[in-house]
């Protein structure tokens, strides 16, 4: 709606100062001509806004002008208070600041919206951690944050998965990303985007050198490239089909959520439900052994063979006589 767009322009100008018309048009998904018409409408309504054309021009409010209008709708108010439940603020040390900010927002909200916003914070909880993901290692994001917000380079000692000793890197950070409860540092190394899990950073030191990011590349751009590299690896995935006992389906959905791609439950008449999963490597299908006889791996044949190898290995282990007693000491002679 035009009224929402006019308010968005006003708030953007109040926050940013001078903003090019083309940038406003991109943010609000309208044409530059529409932006200039909106500026004329704001001016006609008494808002001291003006436009300067040219290479360094833009649209700007008269110096010192402020508005106390929040512009928040009822849904936007709910969204802000649900955001407080996502848990990322604690890792960044911003829990206290978030609570203070939300109290200020609550005071500024139109009176009819306040009850809905307060109820939203009590009725919706967002937990980004996956089921049965195991204990999370404590992550110290302080130095990483300092580098991100001060635009300085970082010297990292970083341990890759499977390595015993950490490697040293000098990187140019773009920012931090929290995905499924795991923090990542997105940075360039020698001009190429790299992804570093924060819980594998053994030490981080802030350098005096300013960051050297690629021109025009923002955090969202670098993250999209890295995300696709992880998700679109050709030939890495192993697709398997399984049968799950119906009474254990809910548990299976929770425990295999990260690998589950489809559940085929058409008629509900059978005691078994067909499901499909994708694993990063063939050996990872051994996860299914944890479901015992509640899940049967149907195919492909190489996946069944991998499970059979695992079962034989476990059977051979337990068929060997123990060399010590039940308490861990020598067996009685």
C-alpha atoms as a PDB file:
ATOM      1  CA  UNK A   1       0.000   0.000   0.000  1.00  0.00           C
ATOM      2  CA  UNK A   2       1.161   3.524  -0.751  1.00  0.00           C
ATOM      3  CA  UNK A   3       0.760   4.691   2.853  1.00  0.00           C
ATOM      4  CA  UNK A   4       3.059   1.891   4.074  1.00  0.00           C
ATOM      5  CA  UNK A   5       5.592   2.769   1.390  1.00  0.00           C
ATOM      6  CA  UNK A   6       5.565   6.472   2.322  1.00  0.00           C
ATOM      7  CA  UNK A   7       6.140   5.580   5.958  1.00  0.00           C
ATOM      8  CA  UNK A   8       8.966   3.209   4.987  1.00  0.00           C
ATOM      9  CA  UNK A   9      10.656   5.979   2.989  1.00  0.00           C
ATOM     10  CA  UNK A  10      10.321   8.368   5.923  1.00  0.00           C
ATOM     11  CA  UNK A  11      11.820   5.912   8.404  1.00  0.00           C
ATOM     12  CA  UNK A  12      14.667   4.942   6.046  1.00  0.00           C
ATOM     13  CA  UNK A  13      15.606   8.579   5.521  1.00  0.00           C
ATOM     14  CA  UNK A  14      15.414   9.253   9.245  1.00  0.00           C
ATOM     15  CA  UNK A  15      17.755   6.315   9.913  1.00  0.00           C
ATOM     16  CA  UNK A  16      20.159   6.603   6.992  1.00  0.00           C
ATOM     17  CA  UNK A  17      20.267  10.295   6.118  1.00  0.00           C
ATOM     18  CA  UNK A  18      20.724  10.862   2.387  1.00  0.00           C
ATOM     19  CA  UNK A  19      19.742   7.816   0.326  1.00  0.00           C
ATOM     20  CA  UNK A  20      19.953   7.528  -3.494  1.00  0.00           C
ATOM     21  CA  UNK A  21      16.564   7.211  -5.181  1.00  0.00           C
ATOM     22  CA  UNK A  22      17.701   4.049  -6.949  1.00  0.00           C
ATOM     23  CA  UNK A  23      18.527   2.391  -3.617  1.00  0.00           C
ATOM     24  CA  UNK A  24      15.119   3.305  -2.182  1.00  0.00           C
ATOM     25  CA  UNK A  25      13.464   1.913  -5.304  1.00  0.00           C
ATOM     26  CA  UNK A  26      15.364  -1.355  -4.940  1.00  0.00           C
ATOM     27  CA  UNK A  27      14.514  -1.732  -1.259  1.00  0.00           C
ATOM     28  CA  UNK A  28      10.810  -1.036  -1.793  1.00  0.00           C
ATOM     29  CA  UNK A  29      10.589  -2.889  -5.135  1.00  0.00           C
ATOM     30  CA  UNK A  30       9.177   0.029  -7.124  1.00  0.00           C
ATOM     31  CA  UNK A  31      10.488   2.242  -9.928  1.00  0.00           C
ATOM     32  CA  UNK A  32      12.644   5.332  -9.384  1.00  0.00           C
ATOM     33  CA  UNK A  33       9.836   7.408 -10.878  1.00  0.00           C
ATOM     34  CA  UNK A  34       7.470   6.073  -8.183  1.00  0.00           C
ATOM     35  CA  UNK A  35       9.971   7.056  -5.489  1.00  0.00           C
ATOM     36  CA  UNK A  36      10.065  10.657  -6.768  1.00  0.00           C
ATOM     37  CA  UNK A  37       6.259  10.768  -6.817  1.00  0.00           C
ATOM     38  CA  UNK A  38       6.231   9.485  -3.213  1.00  0.00           C
ATOM     39  CA  UNK A  39       8.723  12.189  -2.207  1.00  0.00           C
ATOM     40  CA  UNK A  40       6.403  14.812  -3.679  1.00  0.00           C
ATOM     41  CA  UNK A  41       3.500  13.314  -1.697  1.00  0.00           C
ATOM     42  CA  UNK A  42       5.528  13.443   1.539  1.00  0.00           C
ATOM     43  CA  UNK A  43       6.481  17.046   0.891  1.00  0.00           C
ATOM     44  CA  UNK A  44       2.859  17.997   0.182  1.00  0.00           C
ATOM     45  CA  UNK A  45       1.849  16.462   3.529  1.00  0.00           C
ATOM     46  CA  UNK A  46       4.300  18.683   5.411  1.00  0.00           C
ATOM     47  CA  UNK A  47       7.369  16.427   5.696  1.00  0.00           C
ATOM     48  CA  UNK A  48      10.536  18.509   4.993  1.00  0.00           C
ATOM     49  CA  UNK A  49      12.049  16.181   2.390  1.00  0.00           C
ATOM     50  CA  UNK A  50      13.993  17.167  -0.694  1.00  0.00           C
ATOM     51  CA  UNK A  51      15.838  15.500  -3.569  1.00  0.00           C
ATOM     52  CA  UNK A  52      19.191  16.392  -5.081  1.00  0.00           C
ATOM     53  CA  UNK A  53      19.961  14.999  -8.491  1.00  0.00           C
ATOM     54  CA  UNK A  54      23.399  14.175  -9.820  1.00  0.00           C
ATOM     55  CA  UNK A  55      26.161  11.672  -9.154  1.00  0.00           C
ATOM     56  CA  UNK A  56      26.326  12.353  -5.415  1.00  0.00           C
ATOM     57  CA  UNK A  57      22.684  13.271  -5.007  1.00  0.00           C
ATOM     58  CA  UNK A  58      19.885  11.536  -3.208  1.00  0.00           C
ATOM     59  CA  UNK A  59      16.802  12.067  -1.110  1.00  0.00           C
ATOM     60  CA  UNK A  60      17.146  13.544   2.347  1.00  0.00           C
ATOM     61  CA  UNK A  61      15.165  14.997   5.239  1.00  0.00           C
ATOM     62  CA  UNK A  62      15.802  18.526   6.453  1.00  0.00           C
ATOM     63  CA  UNK A  63      18.477  18.466   9.176  1.00  0.00           C
ATOM     64  CA  UNK A  64      17.031  18.025  12.656  1.00  0.00           C
ATOM     65  CA  UNK A  65      13.649  16.671  11.559  1.00  0.00           C
ATOM     66  CA  UNK A  66      12.490  13.647  13.533  1.00  0.00           C
ATOM     67  CA  UNK A  67       9.236  11.748  13.794  1.00  0.00           C
ATOM     68  CA  UNK A  68       8.056   9.657  16.735  1.00  0.00           C
ATOM     69  CA  UNK A  69       5.835   7.497  14.556  1.00  0.00           C
ATOM     70  CA  UNK A  70       6.881   3.826  14.845  1.00  0.00           C
ATOM     71  CA  UNK A  71       4.908   2.742  11.795  1.00  0.00           C
ATOM     72  CA  UNK A  72       4.535  -0.775  13.208  1.00  0.00           C
ATOM     73  CA  UNK A  73       1.497  -2.829  12.305  1.00  0.00           C
ATOM     74  CA  UNK A  74       0.063  -5.470  14.638  1.00  0.00           C
ATOM     75  CA  UNK A  75       1.847  -8.274  12.726  1.00  0.00           C
ATOM     76  CA  UNK A  76       5.151  -6.369  12.737  1.00  0.00           C
ATOM     77  CA  UNK A  77       4.831  -5.890  16.494  1.00  0.00           C
ATOM     78  CA  UNK A  78       4.318  -9.635  17.010  1.00  0.00           C
ATOM     79  CA  UNK A  79       7.293 -10.404  14.765  1.00  0.00           C
ATOM     80  CA  UNK A  80       9.643  -8.269  16.877  1.00  0.00           C
ATOM     81  CA  UNK A  81       8.680  -9.963  20.127  1.00  0.00           C
ATOM     82  CA  UNK A  82       8.912 -13.457  18.631  1.00  0.00           C
ATOM     83  CA  UNK A  83      12.432 -12.558  17.475  1.00  0.00           C
ATOM     84  CA  UNK A  84      13.421 -12.356  21.142  1.00  0.00           C
ATOM     85  CA  UNK A  85      12.997 -16.134  21.466  1.00  0.00           C
ATOM     86  CA  UNK A  86      15.584 -17.157  18.902  1.00  0.00           C
ATOM     87  CA  UNK A  87      18.502 -17.374  21.357  1.00  0.00           C
ATOM     88  CA  UNK A  88      21.200 -15.855  19.143  1.00  0.00           C
ATOM     89  CA  UNK A  89      21.423 -12.787  21.362  1.00  0.00           C
ATOM     90  CA  UNK A  90      22.829 -14.749  24.310  1.00  0.00           C
ATOM     91  CA  UNK A  91      25.834 -15.949  22.289  1.00  0.00           C
ATOM     92  CA  UNK A  92      26.483 -12.360  21.214  1.00  0.00           C
ATOM     93  CA  UNK A  93      26.155 -11.022  24.752  1.00  0.00           C
ATOM     94  CA  UNK A  94      23.107  -8.970  23.793  1.00  0.00           C
ATOM     95  CA  UNK A  95      20.400 -10.495  25.993  1.00  0.00           C
ATOM     96  CA  UNK A  96      20.258  -7.481  28.321  1.00  0.00           C
ATOM     97  CA  UNK A  97      20.314  -5.029  25.425  1.00  0.00           C
ATOM     98  CA  UNK A  98      17.528  -6.936  23.672  1.00  0.00           C
ATOM     99  CA  UNK A  99      15.299  -6.868  26.740  1.00  0.00           C
ATOM    100  CA  UNK A 100      15.874  -3.129  27.132  1.00  0.00           C
ATOM    101  CA  UNK A 101      15.170  -2.493  23.443  1.00  0.00           C
ATOM    102  CA  UNK A 102      11.938  -4.469  23.525  1.00  0.00           C
ATOM    103  CA  UNK A 103      10.732  -2.551  26.563  1.00  0.00           C
ATOM    104  CA  UNK A 104      11.319   0.696  24.675  1.00  0.00           C
ATOM    105  CA  UNK A 105       9.539  -0.649  21.613  1.00  0.00           C
ATOM    106  CA  UNK A 106       6.614  -1.753  23.779  1.00  0.00           C
ATOM    107  CA  UNK A 107       6.328   1.761  25.208  1.00  0.00           C
ATOM    108  CA  UNK A 108       6.348   3.255  21.694  1.00  0.00           C
ATOM    109  CA  UNK A 109       3.772   0.862  20.232  1.00  0.00           C
ATOM    110  CA  UNK A 110       0.250   2.069  19.577  1.00  0.00           C
ATOM    111  CA  UNK A 111      -1.843   1.050  22.573  1.00  0.00           C
ATOM    112  CA  UNK A 112      -4.067  -1.417  20.637  1.00  0.00           C
ATOM    113  CA  UNK A 113      -0.986  -3.422  19.523  1.00  0.00           C
ATOM    114  CA  UNK A 114       0.644  -3.843  22.936  1.00  0.00           C
ATOM    115  CA  UNK A 115      -1.402  -6.805  24.243  1.00  0.00           C
ATOM    116  CA  UNK A 116      -0.870  -8.793  21.013  1.00  0.00           C
ATOM    117  CA  UNK A 117       2.888  -8.186  21.108  1.00  0.00           C
ATOM    118  CA  UNK A 118       3.146  -9.260  24.735  1.00  0.00           C
ATOM    119  CA  UNK A 119       1.105 -12.416  24.137  1.00  0.00           C
ATOM    120  CA  UNK A 120       3.249 -13.307  21.106  1.00  0.00           C
ATOM    121  CA  UNK A 121       6.400 -13.398  23.250  1.00  0.00           C
ATOM    122  CA  UNK A 122       4.723 -15.887  25.627  1.00  0.00           C
ATOM    123  CA  UNK A 123       2.954 -18.074  23.079  1.00  0.00           C
ATOM    124  CA  UNK A 124       5.642 -18.638  20.419  1.00  0.00           C
ATOM    125  CA  UNK A 125       9.063 -20.145  21.169  1.00  0.00           C
ATOM    126  CA  UNK A 126      11.753 -20.603  18.531  1.00  0.00           C
ATOM    127  CA  UNK A 127      14.430 -23.212  19.366  1.00  0.00           C
ATOM    128  CA  UNK A 128      16.950 -23.421  16.534  1.00  0.00           C
ATOM    129  CA  UNK A 129      18.800 -26.454  17.948  1.00  0.00           C
ATOM    130  CA  UNK A 130      18.108 -29.793  16.255  1.00  0.00           C
ATOM    131  CA  UNK A 131      16.827 -32.786  18.229  1.00  0.00           C
ATOM    132  CA  UNK A 132      19.497 -35.008  19.806  1.00  0.00           C
ATOM    133  CA  UNK A 133      22.299 -32.882  18.409  1.00  0.00           C
ATOM    134  CA  UNK A 134      24.425 -33.520  21.478  1.00  0.00           C
ATOM    135  CA  UNK A 135      25.959 -30.990  23.855  1.00  0.00           C
ATOM    136  CA  UNK A 136      27.059 -27.781  22.176  1.00  0.00           C
ATOM    137  CA  UNK A 137      30.649 -26.690  22.742  1.00  0.00           C
ATOM    138  CA  UNK A 138      30.936 -23.245  24.286  1.00  0.00           C
ATOM    139  CA  UNK A 139      31.757 -20.632  21.668  1.00  0.00           C
ATOM    140  CA  UNK A 140      33.570 -17.368  22.385  1.00  0.00           C
ATOM    141  CA  UNK A 141      32.395 -14.888  19.759  1.00  0.00           C
ATOM    142  CA  UNK A 142      33.873 -11.776  21.355  1.00  0.00           C
ATOM    143  CA  UNK A 143      36.953 -11.372  19.138  1.00  0.00           C
ATOM    144  CA  UNK A 144      35.040 -12.449  16.030  1.00  0.00           C
ATOM    145  CA  UNK A 145      32.415  -9.799  16.782  1.00  0.00           C
ATOM    146  CA  UNK A 146      35.097  -7.163  17.310  1.00  0.00           C
ATOM    147  CA  UNK A 147      36.586  -7.921  13.901  1.00  0.00           C
ATOM    148  CA  UNK A 148      33.202  -7.858  12.173  1.00  0.00           C
ATOM    149  CA  UNK A 149      32.085  -4.545  13.666  1.00  0.00           C
ATOM    150  CA  UNK A 150      35.446  -2.762  13.539  1.00  0.00           C
ATOM    151  CA  UNK A 151      36.199  -3.890   9.947  1.00  0.00           C
ATOM    152  CA  UNK A 152      39.611  -5.343  10.802  1.00  0.00           C
ATOM    153  CA  UNK A 153      41.416  -8.474   9.694  1.00  0.00           C
ATOM    154  CA  UNK A 154      41.689 -11.599  11.843  1.00  0.00           C
ATOM    155  CA  UNK A 155      44.436 -14.107  12.536  1.00  0.00           C
ATOM    156  CA  UNK A 156      42.881 -17.502  13.271  1.00  0.00           C
ATOM    157  CA  UNK A 157      44.131 -20.831  14.550  1.00  0.00           C
ATOM    158  CA  UNK A 158      41.480 -23.195  13.206  1.00  0.00           C
ATOM    159  CA  UNK A 159      41.090 -26.959  13.529  1.00  0.00           C
ATOM    160  CA  UNK A 160      39.446 -28.645  10.561  1.00  0.00           C
ATOM    161  CA  UNK A 161      37.314 -31.746  11.042  1.00  0.00           C
ATOM    162  CA  UNK A 162      39.593 -34.791  11.275  1.00  0.00           C
ATOM    163  CA  UNK A 163      42.764 -32.755  11.873  1.00  0.00           C
ATOM    164  CA  UNK A 164      44.714 -33.078  15.097  1.00  0.00           C
ATOM    165  CA  UNK A 165      46.515 -29.749  14.897  1.00  0.00           C
ATOM    166  CA  UNK A 166      45.000 -26.363  14.010  1.00  0.00           C
ATOM    167  CA  UNK A 167      46.020 -24.404  10.907  1.00  0.00           C
ATOM    168  CA  UNK A 168      46.773 -20.676  10.837  1.00  0.00           C
ATOM    169  CA  UNK A 169      44.864 -18.273   8.575  1.00  0.00           C
ATOM    170  CA  UNK A 170      44.658 -14.538   8.037  1.00  0.00           C
ATOM    171  CA  UNK A 171      41.114 -13.691   6.951  1.00  0.00           C
ATOM    172  CA  UNK A 172      38.906 -10.764   6.009  1.00  0.00           C
ATOM    173  CA  UNK A 173      35.562 -11.191   7.811  1.00  0.00           C
ATOM    174  CA  UNK A 174      32.172 -10.298   6.349  1.00  0.00           C
ATOM    175  CA  UNK A 175      30.095 -11.317   9.356  1.00  0.00           C
ATOM    176  CA  UNK A 176      28.653 -14.047  11.560  1.00  0.00           C
ATOM    177  CA  UNK A 177      25.866 -16.486  10.631  1.00  0.00           C
ATOM    178  CA  UNK A 178      23.877 -18.709  13.004  1.00  0.00           C
ATOM    179  CA  UNK A 179      22.489 -21.769  11.208  1.00  0.00           C
ATOM    180  CA  UNK A 180      20.576 -24.499  13.077  1.00  0.00           C
ATOM    181  CA  UNK A 181      22.207 -23.506  16.361  1.00  0.00           C
ATOM    182  CA  UNK A 182      25.763 -23.437  14.951  1.00  0.00           C
ATOM    183  CA  UNK A 183      27.740 -20.199  14.538  1.00  0.00           C
ATOM    184  CA  UNK A 184      29.887 -19.620  11.450  1.00  0.00           C
ATOM    185  CA  UNK A 185      32.340 -16.899  10.511  1.00  0.00           C
ATOM    186  CA  UNK A 186      32.049 -15.897   6.846  1.00  0.00           C
ATOM    187  CA  UNK A 187      35.329 -14.456   5.605  1.00  0.00           C
ATOM    188  CA  UNK A 188      37.585 -14.115   2.587  1.00  0.00           C
ATOM    189  CA  UNK A 189      40.962 -15.804   2.534  1.00  0.00           C
ATOM    190  CA  UNK A 190      43.200 -14.583  -0.272  1.00  0.00           C
ATOM    191  CA  UNK A 191      40.170 -13.121  -2.018  1.00  0.00           C
ATOM    192  CA  UNK A 192      38.044 -16.301  -1.948  1.00  0.00           C
ATOM    193  CA  UNK A 193      35.052 -16.924   0.355  1.00  0.00           C
ATOM    194  CA  UNK A 194      35.587 -19.357   3.232  1.00  0.00           C
ATOM    195  CA  UNK A 195      33.413 -20.719   6.017  1.00  0.00           C
ATOM    196  CA  UNK A 196      34.768 -21.240   9.562  1.00  0.00           C
ATOM    197  CA  UNK A 197      32.782 -22.954  12.325  1.00  0.00           C
ATOM    198  CA  UNK A 198      33.130 -20.809  15.420  1.00  0.00           C
ATOM    199  CA  UNK A 199      33.450 -23.812  17.742  1.00  0.00           C
ATOM    200  CA  UNK A 200      36.550 -24.961  15.824  1.00  0.00           C
ATOM    201  CA  UNK A 201      38.384 -21.644  16.234  1.00  0.00           C
ATOM    202  CA  UNK A 202      41.139 -22.385  18.740  1.00  0.00           C
ATOM    203  CA  UNK A 203      42.291 -18.766  18.968  1.00  0.00           C
ATOM    204  CA  UNK A 204      41.537 -15.476  17.222  1.00  0.00           C
ATOM    205  CA  UNK A 205      43.588 -12.290  17.224  1.00  0.00           C
ATOM    206  CA  UNK A 206      42.479  -8.927  15.927  1.00  0.00           C
ATOM    207  CA  UNK A 207      45.001  -7.342  13.543  1.00  0.00           C
ATOM    208  CA  UNK A 208      45.634  -3.637  13.013  1.00  0.00           C
ATOM    209  CA  UNK A 209      45.095  -3.952   9.256  1.00  0.00           C
ATOM    210  CA  UNK A 210      41.712  -2.876   7.864  1.00  0.00           C
ATOM    211  CA  UNK A 211      39.559  -5.566   6.302  1.00  0.00           C
ATOM    212  CA  UNK A 212      39.987  -6.198   2.555  1.00  0.00           C
ATOM    213  CA  UNK A 213      36.612  -7.317   1.251  1.00  0.00           C
ATOM    214  CA  UNK A 214      35.779  -7.746  -2.396  1.00  0.00           C
ATOM    215  CA  UNK A 215      34.067  -4.598  -3.766  1.00  0.00           C
ATOM    216  CA  UNK A 216      30.284  -4.798  -3.783  1.00  0.00           C
ATOM    217  CA  UNK A 217      30.103  -8.090  -1.845  1.00  0.00           C
ATOM    218  CA  UNK A 218      27.990  -8.141   1.318  1.00  0.00           C
ATOM    219  CA  UNK A 219      27.592 -10.837   3.977  1.00  0.00           C
ATOM    220  CA  UNK A 220      24.399 -12.190   2.375  1.00  0.00           C
ATOM    221  CA  UNK A 221      26.169 -12.541  -1.000  1.00  0.00           C
ATOM    222  CA  UNK A 222      29.158 -14.408   0.428  1.00  0.00           C
ATOM    223  CA  UNK A 223      26.917 -16.648   2.551  1.00  0.00           C
ATOM    224  CA  UNK A 224      24.768 -17.586  -0.452  1.00  0.00           C
ATOM    225  CA  UNK A 225      27.850 -18.720  -2.404  1.00  0.00           C
ATOM    226  CA  UNK A 226      29.156 -20.794   0.516  1.00  0.00           C
ATOM    227  CA  UNK A 227      25.732 -22.251   1.332  1.00  0.00           C
ATOM    228  CA  UNK A 228      25.299 -23.456  -2.234  1.00  0.00           C
ATOM    229  CA  UNK A 229      28.768 -24.994  -2.230  1.00  0.00           C
ATOM    230  CA  UNK A 230      27.744 -27.090   0.769  1.00  0.00           C
ATOM    231  CA  UNK A 231      24.237 -27.995  -0.382  1.00  0.00           C
ATOM    232  CA  UNK A 232      24.871 -28.524  -4.106  1.00  0.00           C
ATOM    233  CA  UNK A 233      27.898 -30.812  -4.019  1.00  0.00           C
ATOM    234  CA  UNK A 234      27.429 -33.118  -7.017  1.00  0.00           C
ATOM    235  CA  UNK A 235      27.549 -36.849  -6.362  1.00  0.00           C
ATOM    236  CA  UNK A 236      28.129 -36.558  -2.625  1.00  0.00           C
ATOM    237  CA  UNK A 237      24.641 -37.482  -1.456  1.00  0.00           C
ATOM    238  CA  UNK A 238      23.384 -41.046  -0.951  1.00  0.00           C
ATOM    239  CA  UNK A 239      19.608 -41.408  -1.343  1.00  0.00           C
ATOM    240  CA  UNK A 240      18.054 -44.317   0.558  1.00  0.00           C
ATOM    241  CA  UNK A 241      14.551 -45.723   0.993  1.00  0.00           C
ATOM    242  CA  UNK A 242      13.405 -47.184   4.310  1.00  0.00           C
ATOM    243  CA  UNK A 243      10.319 -48.712   5.915  1.00  0.00           C
ATOM    244  CA  UNK A 244       9.371 -47.402   9.361  1.00  0.00           C
ATOM    245  CA  UNK A 245       6.949 -49.011  11.809  1.00  0.00           C
ATOM    246  CA  UNK A 246       3.979 -46.666  12.073  1.00  0.00           C
ATOM    247  CA  UNK A 247       4.036 -46.501  15.869  1.00  0.00           C
ATOM    248  CA  UNK A 248       7.640 -45.261  15.763  1.00  0.00           C
ATOM    249  CA  UNK A 249       7.165 -42.753  12.926  1.00  0.00           C
ATOM    250  CA  UNK A 250       7.029 -39.648  15.140  1.00  0.00           C
ATOM    251  CA  UNK A 251      10.257 -40.604  16.886  1.00  0.00           C
ATOM    252  CA  UNK A 252      11.880 -41.362  13.524  1.00  0.00           C
ATOM    253  CA  UNK A 253      10.859 -37.959  12.146  1.00  0.00           C
ATOM    254  CA  UNK A 254      12.512 -36.205  15.075  1.00  0.00           C
ATOM    255  CA  UNK A 255      15.722 -38.209  15.174  1.00  0.00           C
ATOM    256  CA  UNK A 256      16.311 -38.287  11.396  1.00  0.00           C
ATOM    257  CA  UNK A 257      15.012 -34.785  10.638  1.00  0.00           C
ATOM    258  CA  UNK A 258      18.310 -33.596   9.141  1.00  0.00           C
ATOM    259  CA  UNK A 259      18.392 -36.457   6.600  1.00  0.00           C
ATOM    260  CA  UNK A 260      14.658 -36.941   5.948  1.00  0.00           C
ATOM    261  CA  UNK A 261      13.442 -35.805   2.513  1.00  0.00           C
ATOM    262  CA  UNK A 262      10.045 -37.509   2.107  1.00  0.00           C
ATOM    263  CA  UNK A 263       7.466 -39.591   3.976  1.00  0.00           C
ATOM    264  CA  UNK A 264       4.992 -41.557   1.829  1.00  0.00           C
ATOM    265  CA  UNK A 265       1.971 -42.257   4.018  1.00  0.00           C
ATOM    266  CA  UNK A 266      -0.932 -42.609   1.610  1.00  0.00           C
ATOM    267  CA  UNK A 267      -3.659 -44.791   3.052  1.00  0.00           C
ATOM    268  CA  UNK A 268      -2.665 -45.261   6.681  1.00  0.00           C
ATOM    269  CA  UNK A 269      -3.726 -48.914   6.510  1.00  0.00           C
ATOM    270  CA  UNK A 270      -0.315 -50.567   6.648  1.00  0.00           C
ATOM    271  CA  UNK A 271       1.783 -51.033   9.782  1.00  0.00           C
ATOM    272  CA  UNK A 272       4.788 -49.767   7.820  1.00  0.00           C
ATOM    273  CA  UNK A 273       5.414 -46.310   6.323  1.00  0.00           C
ATOM    274  CA  UNK A 274       7.877 -45.684   3.479  1.00  0.00           C
ATOM    275  CA  UNK A 275      10.329 -42.794   3.839  1.00  0.00           C
ATOM    276  CA  UNK A 276      13.322 -41.459   1.922  1.00  0.00           C
ATOM    277  CA  UNK A 277      16.495 -39.948   3.300  1.00  0.00           C
ATOM    278  CA  UNK A 278      19.717 -38.451   1.965  1.00  0.00           C
ATOM    279  CA  UNK A 279      23.088 -39.008   3.639  1.00  0.00           C
ATOM    280  CA  UNK A 280      26.307 -37.144   2.795  1.00  0.00           C
ATOM    281  CA  UNK A 281      28.350 -40.381   2.479  1.00  0.00           C
ATOM    282  CA  UNK A 282      27.524 -44.097   2.320  1.00  0.00           C
ATOM    283  CA  UNK A 283      28.954 -44.873   5.752  1.00  0.00           C
ATOM    284  CA  UNK A 284      26.515 -42.439   7.367  1.00  0.00           C
ATOM    285  CA  UNK A 285      23.605 -44.852   6.744  1.00  0.00           C
ATOM    286  CA  UNK A 286      24.830 -46.695   9.862  1.00  0.00           C
ATOM    287  CA  UNK A 287      22.724 -44.179  11.776  1.00  0.00           C
ATOM    288  CA  UNK A 288      19.751 -46.412  10.928  1.00  0.00           C
ATOM    289  CA  UNK A 289      21.105 -49.177  13.162  1.00  0.00           C
ATOM    290  CA  UNK A 290      20.097 -47.032  16.111  1.00  0.00           C
ATOM    291  CA  UNK A 291      16.457 -47.729  15.273  1.00  0.00           C
ATOM    292  CA  UNK A 292      16.944 -51.510  15.631  1.00  0.00           C
ATOM    293  CA  UNK A 293      14.118 -53.498  14.004  1.00  0.00           C
ATOM    294  CA  UNK A 294      11.824 -50.475  13.888  1.00  0.00           C
ATOM    295  CA  UNK A 295      13.334 -49.342  10.570  1.00  0.00           C
ATOM    296  CA  UNK A 296      14.264 -51.475   7.557  1.00  0.00           C
ATOM    297  CA  UNK A 297      16.582 -50.122   4.876  1.00  0.00           C
ATOM    298  CA  UNK A 298      15.027 -51.143   1.530  1.00  0.00           C
ATOM    299  CA  UNK A 299      17.626 -49.823  -0.877  1.00  0.00           C
ATOM    300  CA  UNK A 300      19.876 -49.166  -2.669  1.00  0.00           C
ATOM    301  CA  UNK A 301      21.791 -52.490  -2.422  1.00  0.00           C
ATOM    302  CA  UNK A 302      25.097 -50.833  -1.538  1.00  0.00           C
ATOM    303  CA  UNK A 303      23.448 -49.147   1.457  1.00  0.00           C
ATOM    304  CA  UNK A 304      22.054 -52.480   2.690  1.00  0.00           C
ATOM    305  CA  UNK A 305      25.514 -54.001   2.238  1.00  0.00           C
ATOM    306  CA  UNK A 306      27.019 -51.195   4.339  1.00  0.00           C
ATOM    307  CA  UNK A 307      24.579 -51.919   7.165  1.00  0.00           C
ATOM    308  CA  UNK A 308      25.293 -55.646   6.925  1.00  0.00           C
ATOM    309  CA  UNK A 309      29.037 -54.963   7.260  1.00  0.00           C
ATOM    310  CA  UNK A 310      28.365 -52.894  10.353  1.00  0.00           C
ATOM    311  CA  UNK A 311      26.157 -55.608  11.890  1.00  0.00           C
ATOM    312  CA  UNK A 312      28.785 -58.304  11.231  1.00  0.00           C
ATOM    313  CA  UNK A 313      31.470 -56.129  12.766  1.00  0.00           C
ATOM    314  CA  UNK A 314      29.437 -55.595  15.935  1.00  0.00           C
ATOM    315  CA  UNK A 315      28.523 -59.306  16.091  1.00  0.00           C
ATOM    316  CA  UNK A 316      32.177 -60.321  15.791  1.00  0.00           C
ATOM    317  CA  UNK A 317      33.099 -57.908  18.573  1.00  0.00           C
ATOM    318  CA  UNK A 318      30.591 -59.358  21.033  1.00  0.00           C
ATOM    319  CA  UNK A 319      31.341 -62.972  20.109  1.00  0.00           C
ATOM    320  CA  UNK A 320      34.916 -62.591  21.356  1.00  0.00           C
ATOM    321  CA  UNK A 321      35.442 -63.732  24.968  1.00  0.00           C
ATOM    322  CA  UNK A 322      36.288 -60.895  27.306  1.00  0.00           C
ATOM    323  CA  UNK A 323      39.790 -60.877  28.769  1.00  0.00           C
ATOM    324  CA  UNK A 324      38.871 -59.045  31.961  1.00  0.00           C
ATOM    325  CA  UNK A 325      36.282 -59.357  34.678  1.00  0.00           C
ATOM    326  CA  UNK A 326      32.963 -57.525  34.939  1.00  0.00           C
ATOM    327  CA  UNK A 327      34.566 -54.774  37.049  1.00  0.00           C
ATOM    328  CA  UNK A 328      37.304 -54.133  34.480  1.00  0.00           C
ATOM    329  CA  UNK A 329      39.940 -56.185  36.361  1.00  0.00           C
ATOM    330  CA  UNK A 330      41.450 -59.515  35.324  1.00  0.00           C
ATOM    331  CA  UNK A 331      39.054 -62.362  34.735  1.00  0.00           C
ATOM    332  CA  UNK A 332      38.950 -65.061  37.420  1.00  0.00           C
ATOM    333  CA  UNK A 333      41.007 -68.127  36.569  1.00  0.00           C
END
